[in-house]
Amino acid sequence: TQVGDKGSQLSGGQKQRVAIARALVKRPKILLLDEATSALDTDSEQVVQEALDALMASHDRTTIVIAHRLSTIRNADRIAFVASGKVREIGSHDELMQKPNGRYKRLVESQKRSSTVDLTAIKEGALVKSTSQDDEEGEKDDKELEEDADKAFDAKRARQMALPDLKFLLFGALGAILAGGVFPAWGIMFAFMIELLFRRTLPCPAEDGSVPFGYDSCEAYHGALADDMQSTSYELGIYWAVVAVGCLVGNALVFWGFGMASERLNKRVRDSAFSALVRQEVAFFDKQSVGSITSQLQDDAARIHTFSGEPIRSLIMSLSSVITGLVVSFIYMWPFALVSLGTLPFMGFATSVEMKTMLGEDEGGDVKEGLSSPGGIIVETLLNIRTVAALNMERQRYNDYVQALHKSDPHAIFNSIKSGATSGLSMIIQQWSNALQFFFGGWLLFNYPDVYTFEDFLVSMFALLFSLFALGAATMGASDKDEAKKAAGRIFYLLGRKSAIDPLSTDGVKLGRRPS
């Protein structure tokens, strides 16, 4: 039995039995029982009373019992009948029953007359279902609901539900184009900065005594070179500001456009789902738990956007970045771009894996946190540390924590090896691809010095390399397709289900009017 935080999930009878057990464990010399079995049913009371009678018969302690159920004190050595604050009768059960008009005797006889129903026979009859039958019916209902939800799923319908928010999706798509184009722009700016910082300065004067580029003196040559680097740095600063503004505007449009579309769609789906829920007959809620109903209104409705806004954002951002990077790379050095294009799928996979590893998305998501989880056991133990220490349960709670820790991640070693191998493979792919690009770019510069410059090589490489970062950024925070499909199926099943008794229906005969 899951007792819950501070016993919140225990019934009154269970709490009473726990209290009795805790009192008996301490082996007190004097035991005071005040209505000890008042919250127990007949069967539980009989079991507990037999244990209490055995304790009282052992005479190892003095037991004082206060009760209105006379069956609990029948075997007591001394029974005192108290009325109006005074002891009216005292003696054993047999002694008090011998008094012709005794108060205790009349009370016993009145309680016998009131017990005319055989509760045991009722429980053994067909009025009470067994727990196993309830569990089997619950599992059967869950399977039926899952099958109905799978049949009700329609991806086309999920996309059509976003049509009223088309203008917001268009604004979001425009922002995705800008946000995706920012990545290759970063690469271009990065290439220009490297070329600026590592710009070659020729020796002056040369070995033959001449000044480079026909300047009058070395001071004039160095001054002109410094002025050119300064003006170029100013231009790059302006370009960086433009890229920053584009990044800000693009991401603002992405979050505003797709966010508005998703929230408006979420509200419409929740309103429709709530309206469909209140139309259902009572028998429908016998198969639905409170958790599943609230989940449909809260979680399932929010996952519908996985089939509308989310794929549009990911696709447009990725295409905008990759196409821009490829075009720039082909313009500056097309042979290098062709070789880089061959490594593009591998680099895209490696970059996506790296982004997920850095953001922790490869560690799995939905971890159920409850009292049986490692964290729940720690919290429950610390909140009830006095009880744990009194009952000497430290070792047991430690073993429970170890078991819960293994249960929460039973394949921890395998997952660690898998994560490390995947991360290592990602780094190997990236480094080998970069090595190939540097080798081929250097080969082109060495063999065709009049056609390509070092700046062309840098722009072509970094524009394409930075464009791949958008693949990981576009898929960041993407929802689980399978879970989203199940959620959409549950929503569509609820919206399409026809209630046997529709309380909101306007059809039928109205009072005071004759049917036409």
Protein backbone atom coordinates (compact mmCIF):
# COMPACT_ATOMS: atom_id res chain seq x y z
CA THR A 1 0.00 0.00 0.00
CA GLN A 2 1.34 3.42 -0.97
CA VAL A 3 0.95 5.43 2.25
CA GLY A 4 1.67 8.80 0.60
CA ASP A 5 3.28 11.87 2.12
CA LYS A 6 2.70 11.72 5.89
CA GLY A 7 0.14 8.97 5.36
CA SER A 8 -2.14 11.10 3.19
CA GLN A 9 -3.26 8.08 1.13
CA LEU A 10 -4.21 5.93 4.13
CA SER A 11 -7.84 5.51 5.08
CA GLY A 12 -9.10 6.12 8.60
CA GLY A 13 -9.13 2.41 9.40
CA GLN A 14 -5.60 1.94 8.07
CA LYS A 15 -4.32 4.86 10.13
CA GLN A 16 -5.97 3.36 13.21
CA ARG A 17 -4.34 -0.03 12.67
CA VAL A 18 -0.95 1.63 12.14
CA ALA A 19 -1.40 3.59 15.37
CA ILE A 20 -2.24 0.40 17.29
CA ALA A 21 0.75 -1.41 15.80
CA ARG A 22 3.10 1.43 16.71
CA ALA A 23 1.77 1.44 20.27
CA LEU A 24 2.27 -2.32 20.64
CA VAL A 25 5.80 -2.26 19.20
CA LYS A 26 6.98 -0.05 22.08
CA ARG A 27 5.79 -2.69 24.65
CA PRO A 28 4.38 -0.14 27.13
CA LYS A 29 3.57 -1.04 30.77
CA ILE A 30 0.26 0.84 30.54
CA LEU A 31 -1.71 0.83 27.29
CA LEU A 32 -4.62 3.26 26.84
CA LEU A 33 -7.05 2.43 23.99
CA ASP A 34 -9.65 5.14 23.33
CA GLU A 35 -12.13 3.86 20.72
CA ALA A 36 -9.28 1.87 19.16
CA THR A 37 -11.46 0.12 16.54
CA SER A 38 -14.03 2.82 15.82
CA ALA A 39 -12.92 3.33 12.19
CA LEU A 40 -12.56 -0.37 11.32
CA ASP A 41 -15.01 -2.55 9.47
CA THR A 42 -16.34 -5.73 11.02
CA ASP A 43 -13.70 -8.07 9.58
CA SER A 44 -10.77 -5.80 10.45
CA GLU A 45 -12.18 -5.18 13.92
CA GLN A 46 -12.38 -8.92 14.55
CA VAL A 47 -8.72 -9.45 13.57
CA VAL A 48 -7.50 -6.52 15.64
CA GLN A 49 -9.69 -7.44 18.58
CA GLU A 50 -8.33 -10.99 18.66
CA ALA A 51 -4.81 -9.57 18.85
CA LEU A 52 -5.82 -7.16 21.64
CA ASP A 53 -7.59 -9.93 23.56
CA ALA A 54 -4.45 -12.05 23.37
CA LEU A 55 -2.38 -9.16 24.72
CA MET A 56 -4.80 -8.50 27.56
CA ALA A 57 -4.98 -12.21 28.42
CA SER A 58 -1.19 -12.35 28.78
CA HIS A 59 -1.33 -9.87 31.69
CA ASP A 60 2.06 -8.42 30.66
CA ARG A 61 0.70 -4.89 30.84
CA THR A 62 -2.19 -2.89 32.21
CA THR A 63 -4.67 -2.05 29.46
CA ILE A 64 -7.35 0.62 29.85
CA VAL A 65 -10.02 0.46 27.13
CA ILE A 66 -12.59 3.17 26.40
CA ALA A 67 -15.24 1.94 23.98
CA HIS A 68 -18.88 2.12 22.94
CA ARG A 69 -18.65 -1.16 21.05
CA LEU A 70 -19.11 -3.59 23.89
CA SER A 71 -17.66 -6.46 21.87
CA THR A 72 -14.21 -4.92 22.32
CA ILE A 73 -14.31 -5.06 26.13
CA ARG A 74 -16.12 -8.36 26.63
CA ASN A 75 -12.99 -10.13 27.89
CA ALA A 76 -11.79 -7.31 30.14
CA ASP A 77 -11.07 -8.13 33.81
CA ARG A 78 -13.00 -5.10 35.08
CA ILE A 79 -15.70 -3.16 33.22
CA ALA A 80 -16.85 0.24 34.53
CA PHE A 81 -20.10 1.74 33.21
CA VAL A 82 -19.78 5.56 33.35
CA ALA A 83 -22.81 7.83 33.03
CA SER A 84 -23.09 11.58 33.75
CA GLY A 85 -19.47 11.63 34.93
CA LYS A 86 -19.98 8.92 37.57
CA VAL A 87 -19.25 5.20 37.72
CA ARG A 88 -22.68 3.53 37.86
CA GLU A 89 -21.64 -0.12 37.57
CA ILE A 90 -18.35 -2.01 37.80
CA GLY A 91 -17.40 -5.66 37.45
CA SER A 92 -16.63 -8.33 34.88
CA HIS A 93 -18.85 -9.04 31.89
CA ASP A 94 -20.52 -12.03 33.50
CA GLU A 95 -21.09 -10.19 36.78
CA LEU A 96 -22.72 -7.21 35.09
CA MET A 97 -24.92 -9.42 32.86
CA GLN A 98 -26.38 -11.11 35.95
CA LYS A 99 -27.97 -7.86 37.16
CA PRO A 100 -31.68 -7.97 36.12
CA ASN A 101 -32.05 -4.30 35.19
CA GLY A 102 -28.40 -3.35 34.89
CA ARG A 103 -27.45 -0.56 32.55
CA TYR A 104 -24.61 -2.53 31.03
CA LYS A 105 -26.96 -5.48 30.37
CA ARG A 106 -29.53 -3.27 28.63
CA LEU A 107 -26.84 -1.70 26.48
CA VAL A 108 -25.52 -5.12 25.43
CA GLU A 109 -29.02 -6.31 24.51
CA SER A 110 -29.76 -3.15 22.49
CA GLN A 111 -26.56 -3.56 20.47
CA LYS A 112 -27.46 -7.21 19.75
CA ARG A 113 -30.86 -6.17 18.37
CA SER A 114 -29.31 -3.56 16.06
CA SER A 115 -26.94 -6.10 14.47
CA THR A 116 -29.45 -7.79 12.18
CA VAL A 117 -27.45 -7.74 8.95
CA ASP A 118 -24.82 -10.36 8.23
CA LEU A 119 -22.07 -8.24 6.70
CA THR A 120 -19.89 -11.24 5.97
CA ALA A 121 -22.59 -12.82 3.82
CA ILE A 122 -23.02 -9.59 1.89
CA LYS A 123 -19.30 -9.33 1.20
CA GLU A 124 -19.19 -12.94 0.04
CA GLY A 125 -22.15 -12.34 -2.27
CA ALA A 126 -22.39 -10.70 -5.63
CA LEU A 127 -22.67 -7.13 -4.37
CA VAL A 128 -18.91 -6.55 -4.03
CA LYS A 129 -16.49 -7.14 -6.90
CA SER A 130 -13.08 -8.50 -6.26
CA THR A 131 -9.97 -6.38 -6.74
CA SER A 132 -8.67 -8.61 -9.49
CA GLN A 133 -11.86 -8.14 -11.50
CA ASP A 134 -11.62 -4.37 -11.15
CA ASP A 135 -8.00 -4.43 -12.31
CA GLU A 136 -8.83 -6.63 -15.30
CA GLU A 137 -11.71 -4.36 -16.30
CA GLY A 138 -9.49 -1.29 -15.93
CA GLU A 139 -6.80 -2.79 -18.17
CA LYS A 140 -9.42 -3.78 -20.72
CA ASP A 141 -10.87 -0.26 -20.76
CA ASP A 142 -7.40 1.27 -21.23
CA LYS A 143 -6.66 -1.01 -24.18
CA GLU A 144 -10.00 -0.17 -25.79
CA LEU A 145 -9.36 3.55 -25.37
CA GLU A 146 -5.89 3.24 -26.92
CA GLU A 147 -7.29 1.33 -29.91
CA ASP A 148 -10.05 3.91 -30.41
CA ALA A 149 -7.50 6.75 -30.19
CA ASP A 150 -5.24 5.10 -32.80
CA LYS A 151 -8.18 4.75 -35.18
CA ALA A 152 -9.26 8.37 -34.65
CA PHE A 153 -5.84 9.90 -35.45
CA ASP A 154 -5.73 11.96 -38.65
CA ALA A 155 -2.61 14.04 -39.43
CA LYS A 156 -4.42 15.98 -42.15
CA ARG A 157 -7.11 17.03 -39.71
CA ALA A 158 -4.46 18.13 -37.21
CA ARG A 159 -2.86 20.38 -39.85
CA GLN A 160 -6.22 21.78 -40.95
CA MET A 161 -6.98 22.86 -37.39
CA ALA A 162 -4.16 25.43 -37.69
CA LEU A 163 -5.60 27.12 -40.82
CA PRO A 164 -7.37 29.92 -38.88
CA ASP A 165 -3.93 31.05 -37.68
CA LEU A 166 -2.34 31.09 -41.13
CA LYS A 167 -1.23 34.73 -40.87
CA PHE A 168 0.68 34.03 -37.67
CA LEU A 169 2.32 31.03 -39.30
CA LEU A 170 3.39 33.23 -42.23
CA PHE A 171 5.00 35.73 -39.87
CA GLY A 172 6.71 32.87 -38.07
CA ALA A 173 7.93 31.45 -41.39
CA LEU A 174 9.39 34.84 -42.32
CA GLY A 175 11.18 34.94 -38.98
CA ALA A 176 12.45 31.39 -39.53
CA ILE A 177 14.00 32.49 -42.85
CA LEU A 178 15.79 35.37 -41.12
CA ALA A 179 16.82 33.24 -38.14
CA GLY A 180 18.11 30.50 -40.44
CA GLY A 181 20.06 32.95 -42.58
CA VAL A 182 21.84 34.28 -39.51
CA PHE A 183 23.97 31.13 -39.19
CA PRO A 184 25.77 31.35 -42.57
CA ALA A 185 26.05 35.13 -41.99
CA TRP A 186 27.99 34.32 -38.82
CA GLY A 187 30.28 32.12 -40.87
CA ILE A 188 30.91 34.86 -43.43
CA MET A 189 31.68 37.42 -40.72
CA PHE A 190 33.91 34.93 -38.92
CA ALA A 191 35.87 34.32 -42.15
CA PHE A 192 36.36 38.06 -42.74
CA MET A 193 37.53 38.53 -39.15
CA ILE A 194 40.12 35.76 -39.48
CA GLU A 195 41.36 37.24 -42.75
CA LEU A 196 41.61 40.66 -41.09
CA LEU A 197 43.43 39.46 -37.97
CA PHE A 198 45.90 37.33 -39.95
CA ARG A 199 46.43 39.70 -42.87
CA ARG A 200 49.95 39.33 -44.21
CA THR A 201 52.39 42.25 -43.97
CA LEU A 202 55.21 42.08 -46.45
CA PRO A 203 58.78 42.88 -45.30
CA CYS A 204 59.77 46.46 -45.95
CA PRO A 205 62.19 47.22 -47.47
CA ALA A 206 62.43 44.07 -49.58
CA GLU A 207 65.69 42.23 -50.22
CA ASP A 208 66.27 44.31 -53.33
CA GLY A 209 65.59 47.53 -51.38
CA SER A 210 62.18 48.24 -52.97
CA VAL A 211 59.00 49.22 -51.15
CA PRO A 212 55.95 46.89 -51.62
CA PHE A 213 53.14 48.02 -53.93
CA GLY A 214 55.11 51.08 -55.13
CA TYR A 215 54.75 53.18 -51.99
CA ASP A 216 57.23 56.04 -51.49
CA SER A 217 58.44 54.73 -48.15
CA CYS A 218 57.93 51.92 -45.69
CA GLU A 219 56.12 54.33 -43.35
CA ALA A 220 53.60 55.09 -46.08
CA TYR A 221 53.12 51.38 -46.77
CA HIS A 222 52.59 50.52 -43.09
CA GLY A 223 50.30 53.51 -42.62
CA ALA A 224 48.15 52.56 -45.61
CA LEU A 225 47.94 48.97 -44.39
CA ALA A 226 46.92 50.10 -40.90
CA ASP A 227 44.28 52.48 -42.29
CA ASP A 228 42.86 49.71 -44.47
CA MET A 229 42.65 47.31 -41.51
CA GLN A 230 40.98 50.00 -39.39
CA SER A 231 38.35 50.82 -42.01
CA THR A 232 37.71 47.12 -42.59
CA SER A 233 37.22 46.56 -38.87
CA TYR A 234 34.68 49.40 -38.78
CA GLU A 235 32.79 47.88 -41.69
CA LEU A 236 32.79 44.48 -40.01
CA GLY A 237 31.44 46.08 -36.84
CA ILE A 238 28.53 47.53 -38.81
CA TYR A 239 27.90 44.19 -40.47
CA TRP A 240 27.94 42.44 -37.08
CA ALA A 241 25.31 44.92 -35.86
CA VAL A 242 23.17 44.13 -38.91
CA VAL A 243 23.49 40.40 -38.24
CA ALA A 244 22.56 40.94 -34.58
CA VAL A 245 19.46 42.93 -35.59
CA GLY A 246 18.50 40.22 -38.09
CA CYS A 247 18.94 37.57 -35.40
CA LEU A 248 16.81 39.55 -32.95
CA VAL A 249 14.04 40.30 -35.45
CA GLY A 250 14.04 36.78 -36.89
CA ASN A 251 13.81 34.98 -33.56
CA ALA A 252 11.23 37.48 -32.29
CA LEU A 253 9.04 36.75 -35.31
CA VAL A 254 9.57 33.00 -34.87
CA PHE A 255 8.54 32.98 -31.22
CA TRP A 256 5.71 35.47 -31.72
CA GLY A 257 4.25 33.96 -34.89
CA PHE A 258 4.47 30.27 -34.05
CA GLY A 259 3.81 30.96 -30.36
CA MET A 260 0.58 32.84 -31.12
CA ALA A 261 -0.52 30.17 -33.59
CA SER A 262 0.22 27.36 -31.10
CA GLU A 263 -1.54 29.05 -28.17
CA ARG A 264 -4.61 29.97 -30.21
CA LEU A 265 -4.80 26.41 -31.52
CA ASN A 266 -4.30 25.14 -27.98
CA LYS A 267 -7.21 27.24 -26.72
CA ARG A 268 -9.55 26.10 -29.49
CA VAL A 269 -8.70 22.45 -28.89
CA ARG A 270 -9.16 22.79 -25.13
CA ASP A 271 -12.50 24.54 -25.53
CA SER A 272 -13.70 21.86 -27.94
CA ALA A 273 -12.39 19.07 -25.71
CA PHE A 274 -14.08 20.55 -22.62
CA SER A 275 -17.34 20.98 -24.50
CA ALA A 276 -17.11 17.35 -25.66
CA LEU A 277 -16.39 16.18 -22.10
CA VAL A 278 -19.45 17.85 -20.55
CA ARG A 279 -21.62 16.26 -23.26
CA GLN A 280 -20.64 12.71 -22.34
CA GLU A 281 -22.90 10.45 -20.32
CA VAL A 282 -22.00 9.27 -16.83
CA ALA A 283 -20.93 5.82 -18.06
CA PHE A 284 -18.12 7.44 -20.07
CA PHE A 285 -16.43 8.72 -16.90
CA ASP A 286 -16.48 5.25 -15.35
CA LYS A 287 -13.78 4.31 -17.86
CA GLN A 288 -11.83 7.57 -17.57
CA SER A 289 -9.77 8.53 -14.54
CA VAL A 290 -9.45 12.09 -13.34
CA GLY A 291 -5.79 12.11 -14.41
CA SER A 292 -6.58 11.10 -17.99
CA ILE A 293 -9.30 13.75 -18.29
CA THR A 294 -7.08 16.57 -17.03
CA SER A 295 -4.26 15.27 -19.24
CA GLN A 296 -6.48 15.57 -22.31
CA LEU A 297 -7.29 19.19 -21.46
CA GLN A 298 -3.75 20.17 -20.51
CA ASP A 299 -1.10 18.04 -22.19
CA ASP A 300 -2.79 16.42 -25.20
CA ALA A 301 -4.22 19.70 -26.47
CA ALA A 302 -0.80 21.37 -26.30
CA ARG A 303 0.80 18.68 -28.50
CA ILE A 304 -1.44 19.26 -31.52
CA HIS A 305 0.93 21.98 -32.79
CA THR A 306 3.49 19.22 -33.48
CA PHE A 307 1.69 18.60 -36.78
CA SER A 308 1.41 22.25 -37.85
CA GLY A 309 3.72 24.97 -36.52
CA GLU A 310 6.65 22.88 -35.32
CA PRO A 311 7.50 21.10 -38.62
CA ILE A 312 7.13 24.38 -40.53
CA ARG A 313 9.59 26.12 -38.20
CA SER A 314 12.14 23.31 -38.36
CA LEU A 315 11.92 22.88 -42.14
CA ILE A 316 12.11 26.56 -43.07
CA MET A 317 14.93 27.36 -40.64
CA SER A 318 16.98 24.40 -41.83
CA LEU A 319 16.41 25.07 -45.54
CA SER A 320 17.11 28.78 -45.17
CA SER A 321 20.42 28.16 -43.44
CA VAL A 322 21.68 25.29 -45.58
CA ILE A 323 20.67 26.80 -48.93
CA THR A 324 22.20 30.16 -48.05
CA GLY A 325 25.42 28.48 -46.92
CA LEU A 326 25.62 26.37 -50.08
CA VAL A 327 25.01 29.33 -52.40
CA VAL A 328 27.69 31.44 -50.71
CA SER A 329 30.11 28.51 -50.68
CA PHE A 330 29.61 27.83 -54.42
CA ILE A 331 30.08 31.52 -55.26
CA TYR A 332 33.43 31.84 -53.52
CA MET A 333 34.98 28.38 -54.21
CA TRP A 334 32.77 25.90 -56.05
CA PRO A 335 35.15 22.86 -56.09
CA PHE A 336 35.50 23.12 -52.33
CA ALA A 337 31.72 23.45 -52.02
CA LEU A 338 31.21 20.22 -53.97
CA VAL A 339 33.49 18.27 -51.63
CA SER A 340 31.84 19.86 -48.59
CA LEU A 341 28.44 18.96 -50.02
CA GLY A 342 29.43 15.29 -49.90
CA THR A 343 30.21 15.57 -46.19
CA LEU A 344 27.06 17.57 -45.49
CA PRO A 345 24.84 14.64 -44.37
CA PHE A 346 27.51 13.35 -42.01
CA MET A 347 28.22 16.80 -40.59
CA GLY A 348 24.50 17.43 -40.13
CA PHE A 349 24.11 14.22 -38.15
CA ALA A 350 27.19 14.96 -36.05
CA THR A 351 26.11 18.54 -35.32
CA SER A 352 22.60 17.47 -34.35
CA VAL A 353 23.96 14.84 -31.95
CA GLU A 354 26.36 17.37 -30.44
CA MET A 355 23.59 19.93 -29.88
CA LYS A 356 21.36 17.36 -28.19
CA THR A 357 24.23 16.22 -25.98
CA MET A 358 25.05 19.79 -24.94
CA LEU A 359 21.41 20.56 -24.16
CA GLY A 360 20.82 17.27 -22.35
CA GLU A 361 18.04 16.13 -24.69
CA ASP A 362 19.62 12.69 -25.19
CA GLU A 363 19.14 11.76 -21.55
CA GLY A 364 15.46 10.99 -21.90
CA GLY A 365 12.55 12.98 -20.68
CA ASP A 366 9.52 11.86 -18.79
CA VAL A 367 10.84 10.58 -15.49
CA LYS A 368 8.04 9.75 -13.13
CA GLU A 369 8.64 11.43 -9.80
CA GLY A 370 6.69 9.90 -6.95
CA LEU A 371 7.07 8.39 -3.53
CA SER A 372 8.66 5.29 -5.05
CA SER A 373 11.31 7.31 -6.92
CA PRO A 374 14.77 7.90 -5.40
CA GLY A 375 13.99 11.54 -4.73
CA GLY A 376 10.60 10.68 -3.25
CA ILE A 377 12.14 8.14 -0.87
CA ILE A 378 14.72 10.69 0.32
CA VAL A 379 12.09 13.38 0.89
CA GLU A 380 9.74 10.99 2.68
CA THR A 381 12.56 9.68 4.89
CA LEU A 382 13.73 13.16 5.87
CA LEU A 383 10.20 14.37 6.60
CA ASN A 384 9.59 11.35 8.85
CA ILE A 385 13.09 10.99 10.25
CA ARG A 386 11.81 10.63 13.83
CA THR A 387 9.67 7.65 12.91
CA VAL A 388 12.51 6.12 10.90
CA ALA A 389 14.90 6.50 13.83
CA ALA A 390 12.37 5.24 16.40
CA LEU A 391 11.67 2.07 14.43
CA ASN A 392 15.34 1.56 13.48
CA MET A 393 14.50 1.65 9.74
CA GLU A 394 17.64 3.41 8.49
CA ARG A 395 19.03 0.31 6.77
CA GLN A 396 15.66 -0.53 5.20
CA ARG A 397 15.20 2.99 3.83
CA TYR A 398 18.73 2.88 2.42
CA ASN A 399 18.00 -0.44 0.67
CA ASP A 400 14.74 1.01 -0.68
CA TYR A 401 16.66 3.97 -2.07
CA VAL A 402 19.25 1.73 -3.74
CA GLN A 403 16.52 -0.41 -5.33
CA ALA A 404 14.64 2.66 -6.55
CA LEU A 405 17.88 4.08 -7.96
CA HIS A 406 18.52 0.92 -9.97
CA LYS A 407 14.88 0.74 -11.02
CA SER A 408 14.84 4.33 -12.27
CA ASP A 409 17.72 3.62 -14.66
CA PRO A 410 18.20 -0.15 -14.98
CA HIS A 411 20.53 0.22 -17.97
CA ALA A 412 22.73 3.01 -16.66
CA ILE A 413 26.03 1.48 -17.80
CA PHE A 414 24.72 0.69 -21.27
CA ASN A 415 23.21 4.16 -21.63
CA SER A 416 26.48 5.77 -20.53
CA ILE A 417 28.47 3.71 -23.03
CA LYS A 418 25.95 4.51 -25.76
CA SER A 419 26.01 8.23 -24.97
CA GLY A 420 29.82 8.31 -24.87
CA ALA A 421 30.13 6.34 -28.12
CA THR A 422 27.60 8.56 -29.87
CA SER A 423 29.33 11.72 -28.68
CA GLY A 424 32.72 10.34 -29.71
CA LEU A 425 31.39 9.36 -33.14
CA SER A 426 30.03 12.87 -33.56
CA MET A 427 33.41 14.40 -32.78
CA ILE A 428 35.22 11.95 -35.10
CA ILE A 429 32.91 12.79 -38.01
CA GLN A 430 33.32 16.52 -37.47
CA GLN A 431 37.11 16.39 -37.12
CA TRP A 432 37.63 14.13 -40.14
CA SER A 433 35.32 16.28 -42.23
CA ASN A 434 37.19 19.41 -41.17
CA ALA A 435 40.50 17.71 -41.97
CA LEU A 436 39.27 16.79 -45.44
CA GLN A 437 38.03 20.33 -46.07
CA PHE A 438 41.28 21.91 -44.91
CA PHE A 439 43.32 19.51 -47.02
CA PHE A 440 41.29 20.08 -50.18
CA GLY A 441 41.08 23.84 -49.62
CA GLY A 442 44.85 24.04 -49.17
CA TRP A 443 45.36 21.93 -52.29
CA LEU A 444 43.19 24.35 -54.30
CA LEU A 445 45.06 27.39 -52.98
CA PHE A 446 48.43 25.80 -53.76
CA ASN A 447 47.56 24.67 -57.29
CA TYR A 448 45.32 27.60 -58.34
CA PRO A 449 46.75 30.68 -56.60
CA ASP A 450 45.51 33.00 -59.35
CA VAL A 451 41.92 31.77 -59.16
CA TYR A 452 41.22 31.44 -55.41
CA THR A 453 42.45 33.45 -52.44
CA PHE A 454 42.71 32.63 -48.76
CA GLU A 455 39.65 34.80 -48.14
CA ASP A 456 37.62 32.78 -50.66
CA PHE A 457 38.58 29.59 -48.88
CA LEU A 458 37.60 30.94 -45.44
CA VAL A 459 34.24 32.31 -46.58
CA SER A 460 33.35 29.14 -48.49
CA MET A 461 34.25 26.89 -45.56
CA PHE A 462 32.78 28.82 -42.64
CA ALA A 463 29.57 29.81 -44.44
CA LEU A 464 28.80 26.14 -45.03
CA LEU A 465 30.06 25.01 -41.63
CA PHE A 466 28.02 27.53 -39.64
CA SER A 467 24.92 26.79 -41.70
CA LEU A 468 24.92 23.26 -40.28
CA PHE A 469 24.45 24.65 -36.77
CA ALA A 470 20.90 25.57 -37.77
CA LEU A 471 20.05 21.86 -38.13
CA GLY A 472 20.60 21.31 -34.43
CA ALA A 473 18.96 24.61 -33.43
CA ALA A 474 15.90 23.89 -35.59
CA THR A 475 15.31 20.49 -34.01
CA MET A 476 15.92 21.78 -30.49
CA GLY A 477 12.90 21.19 -28.26
CA ALA A 478 11.11 19.08 -30.86
CA SER A 479 8.27 16.97 -29.49
CA ASP A 480 8.11 13.20 -29.52
CA LYS A 481 6.19 12.26 -32.66
CA ASP A 482 4.78 9.04 -31.20
CA GLU A 483 3.52 10.75 -28.05
CA ALA A 484 2.08 13.60 -30.11
CA LYS A 485 0.30 11.10 -32.36
CA LYS A 486 -1.26 9.35 -29.37
CA ALA A 487 -2.30 12.69 -27.86
CA ALA A 488 -3.92 13.83 -31.11
CA GLY A 489 -5.71 10.49 -31.40
CA ARG A 490 -7.16 10.85 -27.90
CA ILE A 491 -8.34 14.38 -28.66
CA PHE A 492 -9.94 13.41 -31.98
CA TYR A 493 -11.62 10.39 -30.38
CA LEU A 494 -13.10 12.62 -27.70
CA LEU A 495 -14.25 15.25 -30.20
CA GLY A 496 -15.79 12.65 -32.49
CA ARG A 497 -17.48 10.54 -29.81
CA LYS A 498 -21.25 10.82 -29.79
CA SER A 499 -22.72 10.86 -26.32
CA ALA A 500 -25.55 8.47 -25.50
CA ILE A 501 -27.16 11.25 -23.45
CA ASP A 502 -26.23 14.75 -24.63
CA PRO A 503 -27.20 17.31 -21.95
CA LEU A 504 -26.41 20.23 -24.29
CA SER A 505 -28.53 19.00 -27.18
CA THR A 506 -31.40 21.25 -28.30
CA ASP A 507 -33.26 18.43 -30.05
CA GLY A 508 -36.35 16.76 -28.66
CA VAL A 509 -39.72 17.87 -27.33
CA LYS A 510 -39.83 20.95 -25.12
CA LEU A 511 -42.26 21.23 -22.23
CA GLY A 512 -45.38 23.23 -23.08
CA ARG A 513 -44.99 22.71 -26.82
CA ARG A 514 -46.35 20.09 -29.11
CA PRO A 515 -44.05 18.37 -31.57
CA SER A 516 -44.46 19.69 -35.09
